[in-house]
Amino acid sequence: MKLSEAVSVKILSICEEQNISVNKLASICCLTQSTVQNLIAGKSKNPKMLTIIRICEGLKIPLQNFFEDDVFKSIERED
């Protein structure tokens, strides 16, 4: 799995767990809807760490918890 796909899977999983929409996630995390939509659609091939940090801060989850997921265990490089 590529990093962009893993980030998308994790974001959608978090939204489902917390019962929030993608648009609500963007609002909570002070991100534009297009930024979050691009992450979920896989259009952002190299997601910025700052964006992921904002998502974690907005949802009050430690950054470490974001990456402690099986989807990140076998990441393929995207260069």
Protein backbone atom coordinates (compact mmCIF):
# COMPACT_ATOMS: atom_id res chain seq x y z
CA MET A 1 0.00 0.00 0.00
CA LYS A 2 1.23 3.48 -0.80
CA LEU A 3 1.50 6.16 1.87
CA SER A 4 -1.28 8.27 0.35
CA GLU A 5 -3.62 5.26 0.39
CA ALA A 6 -2.73 4.42 4.00
CA VAL A 7 -3.36 8.01 5.11
CA SER A 8 -6.73 7.95 3.33
CA VAL A 9 -7.73 4.68 4.98
CA LYS A 10 -6.70 5.97 8.40
CA ILE A 11 -8.56 9.28 8.03
CA LEU A 12 -11.74 7.52 6.93
CA SER A 13 -11.38 5.08 9.81
CA ILE A 14 -11.04 7.91 12.32
CA CYS A 15 -14.10 9.66 10.88
CA GLU A 16 -16.10 6.45 11.20
CA GLU A 17 -14.88 5.80 14.76
CA GLN A 18 -15.73 9.34 15.86
CA ASN A 19 -18.93 9.45 13.81
CA ILE A 20 -17.99 12.63 11.95
CA SER A 21 -18.11 13.57 8.30
CA VAL A 22 -15.07 14.48 6.26
CA ASN A 23 -16.33 18.07 6.11
CA LYS A 24 -16.69 18.15 9.91
CA LEU A 25 -13.15 16.81 10.20
CA ALA A 26 -11.86 19.66 8.03
CA SER A 27 -13.69 22.19 10.16
CA ILE A 28 -12.48 20.73 13.48
CA CYS A 29 -8.88 20.62 12.26
CA CYS A 30 -8.86 24.10 10.66
CA LEU A 31 -8.12 22.62 7.24
CA THR A 32 -9.84 23.38 3.97
CA GLN A 33 -12.32 20.81 2.74
CA SER A 34 -10.29 20.48 -0.44
CA THR A 35 -7.17 19.55 1.54
CA VAL A 36 -8.98 16.77 3.37
CA GLN A 37 -10.77 15.64 0.20
CA ASN A 38 -7.43 15.45 -1.64
CA LEU A 39 -5.98 13.32 1.15
CA ILE A 40 -8.93 10.96 1.04
CA ALA A 41 -9.02 10.78 -2.75
CA GLY A 42 -5.30 9.99 -2.83
CA LYS A 43 -4.53 13.09 -4.88
CA SER A 44 -2.02 14.20 -2.28
CA LYS A 45 0.81 11.76 -3.06
CA ASN A 46 3.07 13.13 -0.35
CA PRO A 47 0.89 14.25 2.56
CA LYS A 48 2.51 16.94 4.68
CA MET A 49 3.31 16.02 8.24
CA LEU A 50 1.87 19.37 9.37
CA THR A 51 -1.49 18.39 7.89
CA ILE A 52 -1.47 15.07 9.72
CA ILE A 53 -0.44 16.84 12.94
CA ARG A 54 -3.37 19.26 12.54
CA ILE A 55 -5.73 16.32 12.09
CA CYS A 56 -4.38 14.67 15.23
CA GLU A 57 -4.55 17.88 17.25
CA GLY A 58 -8.08 18.64 16.05
CA LEU A 59 -9.25 15.16 17.02
CA LYS A 60 -7.19 15.16 20.22
CA ILE A 61 -5.30 11.99 19.37
CA PRO A 62 -1.54 11.57 19.76
CA LEU A 63 0.41 11.59 16.50
CA GLN A 64 1.85 8.23 17.47
CA ASN A 65 -1.66 6.74 17.54
CA PHE A 66 -2.29 7.91 13.99
CA PHE A 67 0.61 5.83 12.68
CA GLU A 68 0.13 2.86 15.02
CA ASP A 69 -2.12 1.12 12.56
CA ASP A 70 -1.58 -1.97 10.46
CA VAL A 71 -2.13 0.05 7.26
CA PHE A 72 1.27 1.69 7.82
CA LYS A 73 3.22 -1.56 8.28
CA SER A 74 3.98 -2.19 4.61
CA ILE A 75 4.24 1.20 2.91
CA GLU A 76 5.57 1.37 -0.63
CA ARG A 77 7.66 4.34 -1.68
CA GLU A 78 6.07 6.83 -4.06
CA ASP A 79 9.00 8.46 -5.84
